[in-house]
C-alpha cells in the first residue's frame, strides 16, 4: 500500500524539517516546499495528497496560494497552519475551501486528526461525484417526455397536474411514469426521486 502524501508549504526551514520528521514517523510520505511560488510551480503535476499550508509567507500568503489552486482547478485538500494572531485569516481560508486550520505550535494528535478529516472529506466528495455521475447516466436512458414527467414528480406534482402542464392525459403520464421507473430499475417513487436528486435534477 502506498503511503499517503503530505505537501508541507512553509518558508521556515526548521518547521519544514520538524513537520517532515513527525509525519514520516507517522507513516506519511512528505514533500516540502519553501513557499507558495515553488509549490504552485509543481502543483499541477502532484499526486493526490493533503497540503499543509502556512498562512504567513513572504512570497505569497496562504490565502493567495489557496485561491490560485482553486483558480487552476487543483482540488488538493488544504489545512492552514497559523500563528495565534492569524486566526482571522485562517477562518477566511476555511470559508474559501480549506478543510481545517491548526494553530502553531500544534500537538501531533491534532495534526493527524486534521489530516484524517481532510482525507475523509475528499473521499466523501469523490463518492458523491461518482454517485452523481452514475445517476446522470441512468437518467440519460430516459426519453425527453419521461424526463419531463420525472421533473414534475421531483416538484411534488400529482399526475393530473403533470398531465395538464405537458398537455397530455393523466393516463399517458401514468404510462411514462411506469416506463421511467422500469428503466431506472426502481420499485418506488422515493427511489426514483433519490436518483433524480443525486443527478442534480431539482
Protein backbone atom coordinates (compact mmCIF):
# COMPACT_ATOMS: atom_id res chain seq x y z
CA UNK A 1 0.00 0.00 0.00
CA UNK A 2 1.37 3.42 -0.94
CA UNK A 3 1.94 5.95 1.82
CA UNK A 4 -0.47 8.89 2.00
CA UNK A 5 1.20 12.04 0.62
CA UNK A 6 1.56 15.29 2.53
CA UNK A 7 2.84 18.52 0.98
CA UNK A 8 4.34 20.91 3.55
CA UNK A 9 4.46 24.53 2.34
CA UNK A 10 6.26 26.82 4.81
CA UNK A 11 9.07 29.36 4.46
CA UNK A 12 10.54 28.35 7.85
CA UNK A 13 13.10 25.60 7.28
CA UNK A 14 13.04 24.44 10.92
CA UNK A 15 9.26 23.92 10.76
CA UNK A 16 9.54 22.08 7.45
CA UNK A 17 12.19 19.79 8.93
CA UNK A 18 10.32 19.04 12.19
CA UNK A 19 6.98 18.54 10.41
CA UNK A 20 8.55 16.22 7.85
CA UNK A 21 10.11 14.14 10.62
CA UNK A 22 6.84 13.99 12.60
CA UNK A 23 4.82 12.97 9.54
CA UNK A 24 7.31 10.41 8.22
CA UNK A 25 7.40 8.67 11.61
CA UNK A 26 3.58 8.53 11.40
CA UNK A 27 3.68 6.69 8.08
CA UNK A 28 3.28 9.55 5.59
CA UNK A 29 5.36 10.36 2.53
CA UNK A 30 6.33 14.04 2.69
CA UNK A 31 7.36 16.59 0.08
CA UNK A 32 8.21 20.07 1.34
CA UNK A 33 8.27 23.47 -0.38
CA UNK A 34 9.89 26.69 0.83
CA UNK A 35 6.98 28.90 -0.27
CA UNK A 36 3.83 29.32 -2.30
CA UNK A 37 5.52 30.11 -5.62
CA UNK A 38 7.72 26.96 -5.79
CA UNK A 39 4.72 24.88 -4.64
CA UNK A 40 2.41 26.30 -7.32
CA UNK A 41 5.09 25.69 -9.94
CA UNK A 42 4.79 21.93 -9.30
CA UNK A 43 1.17 21.78 -8.09
CA UNK A 44 -0.48 20.66 -11.34
CA UNK A 45 1.80 17.62 -11.59
CA UNK A 46 1.45 16.49 -7.96
CA UNK A 47 -0.29 13.27 -7.00
CA UNK A 48 -3.38 13.35 -4.77
CA UNK A 49 -2.35 14.34 -1.25
CA UNK A 50 -3.02 16.79 1.56
CA UNK A 51 -1.44 20.26 1.70
CA UNK A 52 -0.20 21.78 4.98
CA UNK A 53 -0.06 25.43 4.06
CA UNK A 54 1.41 28.21 6.19
CA UNK A 55 -0.60 31.46 6.24
CA UNK A 56 2.22 33.98 6.54
CA UNK A 57 4.92 33.58 3.89
CA UNK A 58 6.93 36.34 2.21
CA UNK A 59 6.39 35.37 -1.45
CA UNK A 60 2.63 34.62 -1.35
CA UNK A 61 0.46 34.23 1.73
CA UNK A 62 -1.53 31.03 2.23
CA UNK A 63 -4.82 32.60 1.13
CA UNK A 64 -3.29 33.68 -2.20
CA UNK A 65 -1.84 30.19 -2.74
CA UNK A 66 -5.21 28.63 -1.94
CA UNK A 67 -7.05 30.98 -4.32
CA UNK A 68 -4.57 30.17 -7.08
CA UNK A 69 -5.02 26.41 -6.54
CA UNK A 70 -8.78 26.79 -6.95
CA UNK A 71 -8.39 29.03 -10.00
CA UNK A 72 -6.29 26.31 -11.64
CA UNK A 73 -8.83 23.62 -10.74
CA UNK A 74 -6.36 21.80 -8.43
CA UNK A 75 -8.54 20.21 -5.76
CA UNK A 76 -5.96 19.10 -3.19
CA UNK A 77 -7.33 19.36 0.38
CA UNK A 78 -5.69 22.25 2.26
CA UNK A 79 -5.03 22.53 6.01
CA UNK A 80 -3.92 26.01 7.04
CA UNK A 81 -1.11 26.38 9.59
CA UNK A 82 -1.39 29.59 11.54
CA UNK A 83 0.18 31.57 14.35
CA UNK A 84 -2.04 32.89 17.15
CA UNK A 85 -2.52 36.27 15.51
CA UNK A 86 -3.65 34.80 12.20
CA UNK A 87 -6.86 33.05 13.25
CA UNK A 88 -8.98 35.55 11.28
CA UNK A 89 -7.01 34.72 8.15
CA UNK A 90 -7.36 31.00 8.85
CA UNK A 91 -11.15 31.34 9.19
CA UNK A 92 -11.20 33.24 5.88
CA UNK A 93 -9.21 30.38 4.35
CA UNK A 94 -11.77 27.87 5.60
CA UNK A 95 -14.59 29.91 4.09
CA UNK A 96 -12.63 29.76 0.83
CA UNK A 97 -12.48 25.96 0.97
CA UNK A 98 -9.69 24.91 3.36
CA UNK A 99 -10.68 21.79 5.30
CA UNK A 100 -9.22 22.92 8.64
CA UNK A 101 -6.70 25.15 10.36
CA UNK A 102 -4.28 24.34 13.14
CA UNK A 103 -2.51 26.82 15.39
CA UNK A 104 1.25 26.68 15.92
CA UNK A 105 2.70 25.14 17.95
CA UNK A 106 0.40 22.15 17.46
CA UNK A 107 0.24 18.72 19.04
CA UNK A 108 0.96 15.70 16.86
CA UNK A 109 -2.51 14.28 17.60
CA UNK A 110 -4.24 17.50 16.47
CA UNK A 111 -2.26 17.46 13.23
CA UNK A 112 -3.04 13.80 12.50
CA UNK A 113 -6.75 14.37 13.27
CA UNK A 114 -6.85 17.31 10.84
CA UNK A 115 -5.18 15.23 8.10
CA UNK A 116 -7.57 12.30 8.68
CA UNK A 117 -10.58 14.64 8.49
CA UNK A 118 -9.28 16.27 5.29
CA UNK A 119 -8.74 12.90 3.59
CA UNK A 120 -12.20 11.70 4.70
CA UNK A 121 -13.76 14.84 3.24
CA UNK A 122 -12.03 14.26 -0.10
CA UNK A 123 -13.21 10.63 -0.18
CA UNK A 124 -16.77 11.77 0.60
CA UNK A 125 -16.71 14.32 -2.24
CA UNK A 126 -15.26 11.71 -4.61
CA UNK A 127 -18.01 9.23 -3.65
CA UNK A 128 -20.68 11.92 -4.08
CA UNK A 129 -19.25 12.76 -7.52
CA UNK A 130 -19.30 9.09 -8.52
CA UNK A 131 -22.92 8.75 -7.33
CA UNK A 132 -23.90 11.86 -9.30
CA UNK A 133 -22.23 10.59 -12.48
CA UNK A 134 -23.94 7.20 -12.11
CA UNK A 135 -27.34 8.83 -11.52
CA UNK A 136 -26.92 11.10 -14.55
CA UNK A 137 -26.00 8.08 -16.69
CA UNK A 138 -29.19 6.34 -15.55
CA UNK A 139 -31.32 9.39 -16.42
CA UNK A 140 -29.72 9.54 -19.88
CA UNK A 141 -31.64 6.41 -20.94
CA UNK A 142 -34.98 8.17 -20.40
CA UNK A 143 -36.86 9.81 -23.27
CA UNK A 144 -37.40 13.58 -23.15
CA UNK A 145 -41.04 13.06 -22.15
CA UNK A 146 -40.09 10.63 -19.36
CA UNK A 147 -37.60 13.19 -18.05
CA UNK A 148 -40.34 15.85 -18.09
CA UNK A 149 -42.64 13.55 -16.10
CA UNK A 150 -39.81 12.85 -13.63
CA UNK A 151 -39.16 16.60 -13.31
CA UNK A 152 -42.84 17.05 -12.40
CA UNK A 153 -42.56 14.30 -9.77
CA UNK A 154 -39.45 15.99 -8.37
CA UNK A 155 -41.56 19.15 -7.92
CA UNK A 156 -44.07 17.10 -5.97
CA UNK A 157 -46.83 17.43 -8.57
CA UNK A 158 -49.62 14.85 -8.87
CA UNK A 159 -50.17 13.02 -12.18
CA UNK A 160 -53.10 15.30 -13.10
CA UNK A 161 -51.01 18.47 -12.72
CA UNK A 162 -48.12 16.96 -14.71
CA UNK A 163 -50.61 15.95 -17.42
CA UNK A 164 -52.06 19.47 -17.54
CA UNK A 165 -48.62 21.11 -17.70
CA UNK A 166 -47.44 18.80 -20.51
CA UNK A 167 -50.75 18.83 -22.44
CA UNK A 168 -51.21 15.06 -22.22
CA UNK A 169 -53.71 12.80 -20.46
CA UNK A 170 -53.24 11.55 -16.87
CA UNK A 171 -53.26 8.01 -18.27
CA UNK A 172 -50.29 8.88 -20.55
CA UNK A 173 -48.44 10.31 -17.53
CA UNK A 174 -49.03 7.01 -15.70
CA UNK A 175 -47.57 5.10 -18.66
CA UNK A 176 -44.49 7.35 -18.81
CA UNK A 177 -44.11 7.08 -15.04
CA UNK A 178 -44.24 3.27 -15.18
CA UNK A 179 -41.74 3.23 -18.04
CA UNK A 180 -39.23 5.54 -16.35
CA UNK A 181 -39.38 3.53 -13.13
CA UNK A 182 -38.76 0.34 -15.11
CA UNK A 183 -35.80 1.91 -16.95
CA UNK A 184 -34.33 3.24 -13.70
CA UNK A 185 -34.87 -0.21 -12.16
CA UNK A 186 -36.68 1.19 -9.11
CA UNK A 187 -39.77 -0.04 -7.31
CA UNK A 188 -40.89 3.11 -5.53
CA UNK A 189 -41.26 6.82 -6.25
CA UNK A 190 -38.81 7.61 -3.43
CA UNK A 191 -36.08 5.57 -5.15
CA UNK A 192 -36.70 7.37 -8.46
CA UNK A 193 -36.56 10.74 -6.70
CA UNK A 194 -33.29 9.81 -4.95
CA UNK A 195 -31.69 9.13 -8.34
CA UNK A 196 -33.09 12.42 -9.69
CA UNK A 197 -31.69 14.39 -6.73
CA UNK A 198 -28.29 12.70 -6.99
CA UNK A 199 -28.18 13.69 -10.67
CA UNK A 200 -28.94 17.29 -9.72
CA UNK A 201 -32.44 17.31 -11.20
CA UNK A 202 -34.15 19.83 -8.96
